[in-house]
Amino acid sequence: MIETIVLEYLKSKMKVQVCLEDPGVNIKNFILIEKTGGGRDSHLNKATLAIQSYAGSLAGAAKLNESVKQAMADIIELDEIGSCELNSDYNWTDTSTKRYRYQGVYNLIYY
């Protein structure tokens, strides 16, 4: 499952909690991974992942997002990953919970 591959990889690279589910409002700084799409073409698995960087401030979320971008650029060092492309990243502050976050959307090919 691509989510667990990316989860374990980011856990080894990041200094904050990385998870597949929101750990709750008591944790300010964390990274959340969500698969938003995927498919298979010519025996290659494809996935689109949204990786959200939460922090206690907008600047903190932006800085954490930059760290995620750096780590994801190097994820191709894993044998399971064929390619990783940053589709886009942007401020996506959660207005309903008033928590600052940035989101990066990544297109991956994996085996």
N, C-alpha and C. Protein backbone atom coordinates (compact mmCIF):
# COMPACT_ATOMS: atom_id res chain seq x y z
N MET A 1 0.85 -1.18 0.00
CA MET A 1 0.00 0.00 0.00
C MET A 1 0.89 1.24 0.00
N ILE A 2 0.73 2.11 -0.99
CA ILE A 2 1.60 3.27 -1.16
C ILE A 2 1.57 4.20 0.06
N GLU A 3 0.42 4.30 0.71
CA GLU A 3 0.33 5.19 1.87
C GLU A 3 1.32 4.76 2.97
N THR A 4 1.43 3.47 3.22
CA THR A 4 2.34 3.01 4.27
C THR A 4 3.80 3.15 3.85
N ILE A 5 4.09 3.00 2.58
CA ILE A 5 5.46 3.21 2.09
C ILE A 5 5.88 4.66 2.35
N VAL A 6 5.02 5.60 1.95
CA VAL A 6 5.32 7.02 2.13
C VAL A 6 5.32 7.38 3.62
N LEU A 7 4.40 6.81 4.38
CA LEU A 7 4.34 7.05 5.82
C LEU A 7 5.67 6.68 6.49
N GLU A 8 6.15 5.47 6.25
CA GLU A 8 7.38 5.02 6.88
C GLU A 8 8.58 5.84 6.41
N TYR A 9 8.59 6.20 5.15
CA TYR A 9 9.68 7.01 4.62
C TYR A 9 9.71 8.38 5.29
N LEU A 10 8.55 9.06 5.32
CA LEU A 10 8.52 10.40 5.93
C LEU A 10 8.79 10.34 7.43
N LYS A 11 8.35 9.29 8.10
CA LYS A 11 8.66 9.14 9.53
C LYS A 11 10.18 9.13 9.75
N SER A 12 10.91 8.52 8.82
CA SER A 12 12.36 8.43 8.96
C SER A 12 13.06 9.75 8.63
N LYS A 13 12.37 10.64 7.92
CA LYS A 13 12.99 11.89 7.47
C LYS A 13 12.55 13.13 8.24
N MET A 14 11.37 13.10 8.81
CA MET A 14 10.80 14.30 9.42
C MET A 14 10.98 14.29 10.94
N LYS A 15 10.94 15.48 11.52
CA LYS A 15 11.11 15.63 12.98
C LYS A 15 9.78 15.80 13.70
N VAL A 16 8.67 15.68 12.97
CA VAL A 16 7.34 15.78 13.57
C VAL A 16 6.59 14.49 13.31
N GLN A 17 5.47 14.33 13.99
CA GLN A 17 4.64 13.14 13.81
C GLN A 17 4.09 13.10 12.39
N VAL A 18 4.15 11.92 11.77
CA VAL A 18 3.58 11.69 10.44
C VAL A 18 2.51 10.63 10.59
N CYS A 19 1.31 10.87 10.05
CA CYS A 19 0.20 9.94 10.28
C CYS A 19 -0.73 9.86 9.07
N LEU A 20 -1.59 8.86 9.12
CA LEU A 20 -2.61 8.66 8.09
C LEU A 20 -3.97 9.17 8.55
N GLU A 21 -4.10 9.46 9.84
CA GLU A 21 -5.33 10.01 10.41
C GLU A 21 -4.98 11.21 11.28
N ASP A 22 -5.88 12.15 11.37
CA ASP A 22 -5.68 13.34 12.20
C ASP A 22 -5.50 12.91 13.66
N PRO A 23 -4.38 13.27 14.28
CA PRO A 23 -4.14 12.84 15.66
C PRO A 23 -4.93 13.62 16.70
N GLY A 24 -5.66 14.64 16.28
CA GLY A 24 -6.47 15.41 17.22
C GLY A 24 -5.97 16.83 17.40
N VAL A 25 -6.79 17.65 18.02
CA VAL A 25 -6.49 19.08 18.13
C VAL A 25 -5.39 19.39 19.13
N ASN A 26 -5.01 18.46 19.99
CA ASN A 26 -3.97 18.73 20.97
C ASN A 26 -2.57 18.73 20.35
N ILE A 27 -2.41 18.18 19.16
CA ILE A 27 -1.11 18.14 18.49
C ILE A 27 -1.10 19.25 17.45
N LYS A 28 -0.15 20.18 17.57
CA LYS A 28 -0.12 21.32 16.65
C LYS A 28 0.68 21.04 15.38
N ASN A 29 1.83 20.39 15.52
CA ASN A 29 2.72 20.18 14.38
C ASN A 29 2.71 18.71 13.97
N PHE A 30 2.22 18.44 12.77
CA PHE A 30 2.22 17.07 12.26
C PHE A 30 2.00 17.07 10.76
N ILE A 31 2.22 15.92 10.16
CA ILE A 31 2.03 15.72 8.72
C ILE A 31 0.98 14.64 8.53
N LEU A 32 0.03 14.91 7.65
CA LEU A 32 -1.07 13.98 7.38
C LEU A 32 -1.01 13.57 5.91
N ILE A 33 -1.04 12.27 5.66
CA ILE A 33 -0.98 11.72 4.30
C ILE A 33 -2.35 11.17 3.92
N GLU A 34 -2.80 11.53 2.72
CA GLU A 34 -4.09 11.04 2.23
C GLU A 34 -3.97 10.70 0.75
N LYS A 35 -4.38 9.51 0.38
CA LYS A 35 -4.41 9.12 -1.04
C LYS A 35 -5.70 9.67 -1.63
N THR A 36 -5.57 10.45 -2.70
CA THR A 36 -6.74 11.08 -3.31
C THR A 36 -7.10 10.47 -4.66
N GLY A 37 -6.22 9.61 -5.17
CA GLY A 37 -6.52 8.97 -6.44
C GLY A 37 -5.45 7.96 -6.78
N GLY A 38 -5.71 7.19 -7.81
CA GLY A 38 -4.73 6.20 -8.23
C GLY A 38 -5.24 5.41 -9.41
N GLY A 39 -4.38 4.54 -9.88
CA GLY A 39 -4.75 3.70 -11.01
C GLY A 39 -3.60 2.81 -11.40
N ARG A 40 -3.76 2.17 -12.52
CA ARG A 40 -2.73 1.26 -13.02
C ARG A 40 -2.69 1.40 -14.53
N ASP A 41 -1.46 1.54 -15.07
CA ASP A 41 -1.29 1.71 -16.50
C ASP A 41 -0.03 0.98 -16.93
N SER A 42 -0.16 0.06 -17.89
CA SER A 42 0.99 -0.71 -18.39
C SER A 42 1.79 -1.34 -17.25
N HIS A 43 1.09 -1.96 -16.33
CA HIS A 43 1.69 -2.68 -15.19
C HIS A 43 2.39 -1.75 -14.18
N LEU A 44 2.15 -0.46 -14.27
CA LEU A 44 2.70 0.49 -13.31
C LEU A 44 1.58 1.03 -12.44
N ASN A 45 1.81 1.05 -11.15
CA ASN A 45 0.83 1.62 -10.22
C ASN A 45 1.05 3.12 -10.13
N LYS A 46 -0.06 3.86 -10.12
CA LYS A 46 0.00 5.32 -10.01
C LYS A 46 -0.85 5.74 -8.81
N ALA A 47 -0.38 6.76 -8.13
CA ALA A 47 -1.13 7.29 -7.00
C ALA A 47 -0.97 8.80 -6.93
N THR A 48 -2.02 9.45 -6.48
CA THR A 48 -1.97 10.87 -6.16
C THR A 48 -2.15 10.98 -4.66
N LEU A 49 -1.18 11.63 -4.01
CA LEU A 49 -1.23 11.79 -2.55
C LEU A 49 -1.29 13.27 -2.20
N ALA A 50 -2.14 13.59 -1.24
CA ALA A 50 -2.16 14.93 -0.64
C ALA A 50 -1.43 14.81 0.69
N ILE A 51 -0.40 15.61 0.86
CA ILE A 51 0.37 15.58 2.10
C ILE A 51 0.21 16.94 2.75
N GLN A 52 -0.46 16.94 3.89
CA GLN A 52 -0.80 18.18 4.60
C GLN A 52 0.17 18.41 5.75
N SER A 53 0.68 19.62 5.83
CA SER A 53 1.62 20.03 6.88
C SER A 53 0.90 20.99 7.83
N TYR A 54 0.67 20.54 9.06
CA TYR A 54 -0.02 21.34 10.07
C TYR A 54 1.00 21.94 11.03
N ALA A 55 0.75 23.19 11.45
CA ALA A 55 1.62 23.84 12.44
C ALA A 55 0.82 24.90 13.19
N GLY A 56 1.42 25.42 14.24
CA GLY A 56 0.76 26.41 15.08
C GLY A 56 0.70 27.80 14.48
N SER A 57 1.40 28.02 13.37
CA SER A 57 1.37 29.30 12.68
C SER A 57 1.42 29.06 11.18
N LEU A 58 1.04 30.06 10.41
CA LEU A 58 1.07 29.93 8.96
C LEU A 58 2.51 29.77 8.47
N ALA A 59 3.41 30.54 9.07
CA ALA A 59 4.83 30.42 8.69
C ALA A 59 5.37 29.04 9.03
N GLY A 60 4.97 28.50 10.16
CA GLY A 60 5.40 27.16 10.55
C GLY A 60 4.89 26.10 9.59
N ALA A 61 3.64 26.24 9.16
CA ALA A 61 3.08 25.28 8.19
C ALA A 61 3.80 25.37 6.86
N ALA A 62 4.13 26.59 6.43
CA ALA A 62 4.86 26.77 5.17
C ALA A 62 6.26 26.16 5.27
N LYS A 63 6.92 26.35 6.40
CA LYS A 63 8.27 25.80 6.61
C LYS A 63 8.23 24.27 6.63
N LEU A 64 7.24 23.71 7.31
CA LEU A 64 7.09 22.26 7.35
C LEU A 64 6.80 21.71 5.95
N ASN A 65 5.99 22.41 5.18
CA ASN A 65 5.70 22.02 3.81
C ASN A 65 6.98 21.99 2.97
N GLU A 66 7.86 22.95 3.17
CA GLU A 66 9.13 22.96 2.44
C GLU A 66 9.98 21.74 2.80
N SER A 67 9.96 21.35 4.07
CA SER A 67 10.70 20.16 4.50
C SER A 67 10.12 18.90 3.86
N VAL A 68 8.80 18.84 3.76
CA VAL A 68 8.15 17.69 3.10
C VAL A 68 8.54 17.66 1.63
N LYS A 69 8.54 18.80 0.96
CA LYS A 69 8.91 18.86 -0.45
C LYS A 69 10.33 18.35 -0.66
N GLN A 70 11.23 18.73 0.22
CA GLN A 70 12.61 18.27 0.14
C GLN A 70 12.69 16.75 0.30
N ALA A 71 11.98 16.23 1.30
CA ALA A 71 11.99 14.78 1.54
C ALA A 71 11.36 14.03 0.37
N MET A 72 10.25 14.52 -0.14
CA MET A 72 9.57 13.82 -1.23
C MET A 72 10.39 13.85 -2.52
N ALA A 73 11.22 14.86 -2.70
CA ALA A 73 12.09 14.90 -3.87
C ALA A 73 13.09 13.75 -3.86
N ASP A 74 13.41 13.26 -2.66
CA ASP A 74 14.39 12.17 -2.52
C ASP A 74 13.76 10.80 -2.34
N ILE A 75 12.43 10.70 -2.37
CA ILE A 75 11.78 9.41 -2.11
C ILE A 75 12.09 8.38 -3.19
N ILE A 76 12.55 8.83 -4.34
CA ILE A 76 12.88 7.89 -5.41
C ILE A 76 14.08 7.01 -5.04
N GLU A 77 14.73 7.31 -3.92
CA GLU A 77 15.81 6.43 -3.45
C GLU A 77 15.27 5.06 -3.02
N LEU A 78 13.96 4.98 -2.77
CA LEU A 78 13.34 3.71 -2.41
C LEU A 78 13.13 2.86 -3.66
N ASP A 79 13.39 1.56 -3.55
CA ASP A 79 13.21 0.65 -4.69
C ASP A 79 11.76 0.60 -5.16
N GLU A 80 10.81 0.83 -4.26
CA GLU A 80 9.39 0.72 -4.60
C GLU A 80 8.86 1.92 -5.39
N ILE A 81 9.63 3.02 -5.46
CA ILE A 81 9.16 4.25 -6.08
C ILE A 81 9.86 4.46 -7.42
N GLY A 82 9.07 4.59 -8.48
CA GLY A 82 9.60 4.84 -9.81
C GLY A 82 9.77 6.32 -10.10
N SER A 83 8.82 7.12 -9.64
CA SER A 83 8.92 8.58 -9.81
C SER A 83 7.99 9.27 -8.81
N CYS A 84 8.34 10.51 -8.53
CA CYS A 84 7.53 11.35 -7.64
C CYS A 84 7.59 12.76 -8.17
N GLU A 85 6.43 13.30 -8.47
CA GLU A 85 6.35 14.65 -9.03
C GLU A 85 5.43 15.50 -8.17
N LEU A 86 5.91 16.68 -7.80
CA LEU A 86 5.06 17.63 -7.08
C LEU A 86 4.11 18.26 -8.09
N ASN A 87 2.82 18.01 -7.93
CA ASN A 87 1.80 18.58 -8.80
C ASN A 87 1.57 20.04 -8.45
N SER A 88 1.36 20.32 -7.15
CA SER A 88 1.17 21.69 -6.67
C SER A 88 1.25 21.70 -5.15
N ASP A 89 1.50 22.87 -4.59
CA ASP A 89 1.42 23.04 -3.15
C ASP A 89 0.90 24.43 -2.85
N TYR A 90 0.19 24.55 -1.73
CA TYR A 90 -0.52 25.80 -1.46
C TYR A 90 -0.97 25.86 0.00
N ASN A 91 -1.24 27.09 0.43
CA ASN A 91 -1.82 27.32 1.76
C ASN A 91 -3.25 26.78 1.73
N TRP A 92 -3.56 25.93 2.68
CA TRP A 92 -4.91 25.36 2.76
C TRP A 92 -5.35 25.34 4.22
N THR A 93 -5.26 26.51 4.85
CA THR A 93 -5.62 26.64 6.26
C THR A 93 -7.05 26.14 6.47
N ASP A 94 -7.22 25.32 7.50
CA ASP A 94 -8.52 24.74 7.82
C ASP A 94 -9.33 25.77 8.61
N THR A 95 -10.23 26.44 7.94
CA THR A 95 -11.00 27.50 8.59
C THR A 95 -12.01 26.96 9.60
N SER A 96 -12.46 25.73 9.41
CA SER A 96 -13.45 25.18 10.35
C SER A 96 -12.82 24.87 11.71
N THR A 97 -11.55 24.43 11.72
CA THR A 97 -10.88 24.12 12.99
C THR A 97 -9.88 25.20 13.39
N LYS A 98 -9.69 26.19 12.51
CA LYS A 98 -8.74 27.28 12.74
C LYS A 98 -7.31 26.77 12.93
N ARG A 99 -6.94 25.75 12.16
CA ARG A 99 -5.58 25.21 12.20
C ARG A 99 -4.87 25.53 10.89
N TYR A 100 -3.64 26.00 11.02
CA TYR A 100 -2.84 26.35 9.85
C TYR A 100 -2.30 25.08 9.19
N ARG A 101 -2.39 25.05 7.86
CA ARG A 101 -1.84 23.92 7.12
C ARG A 101 -1.49 24.33 5.70
N TYR A 102 -0.54 23.64 5.15
CA TYR A 102 -0.20 23.70 3.74
C TYR A 102 -0.45 22.31 3.18
N GLN A 103 -0.73 22.25 1.89
CA GLN A 103 -0.94 20.95 1.26
C GLN A 103 -0.11 20.86 0.00
N GLY A 104 0.59 19.74 -0.13
CA GLY A 104 1.31 19.41 -1.35
C GLY A 104 0.63 18.22 -1.99
N VAL A 105 0.45 18.27 -3.30
CA VAL A 105 -0.16 17.17 -4.04
C VAL A 105 0.93 16.54 -4.91
N TYR A 106 1.11 15.23 -4.75
CA TYR A 106 2.18 14.50 -5.40
C TYR A 106 1.63 13.39 -6.27
N ASN A 107 2.22 13.22 -7.44
CA ASN A 107 1.90 12.12 -8.34
C ASN A 107 3.06 11.14 -8.28
N LEU A 108 2.75 9.90 -7.91
CA LEU A 108 3.79 8.89 -7.77
C LEU A 108 3.52 7.70 -8.70
N ILE A 109 4.60 7.11 -9.18
CA ILE A 109 4.55 5.82 -9.85
C ILE A 109 5.32 4.87 -8.94
N TYR A 110 4.73 3.72 -8.67
CA TYR A 110 5.36 2.79 -7.73
C TYR A 110 5.15 1.35 -8.18
N TYR A 111 5.97 0.46 -7.60
CA TYR A 111 5.93 -0.97 -7.96
C TYR A 111 5.38 -1.80 -6.82
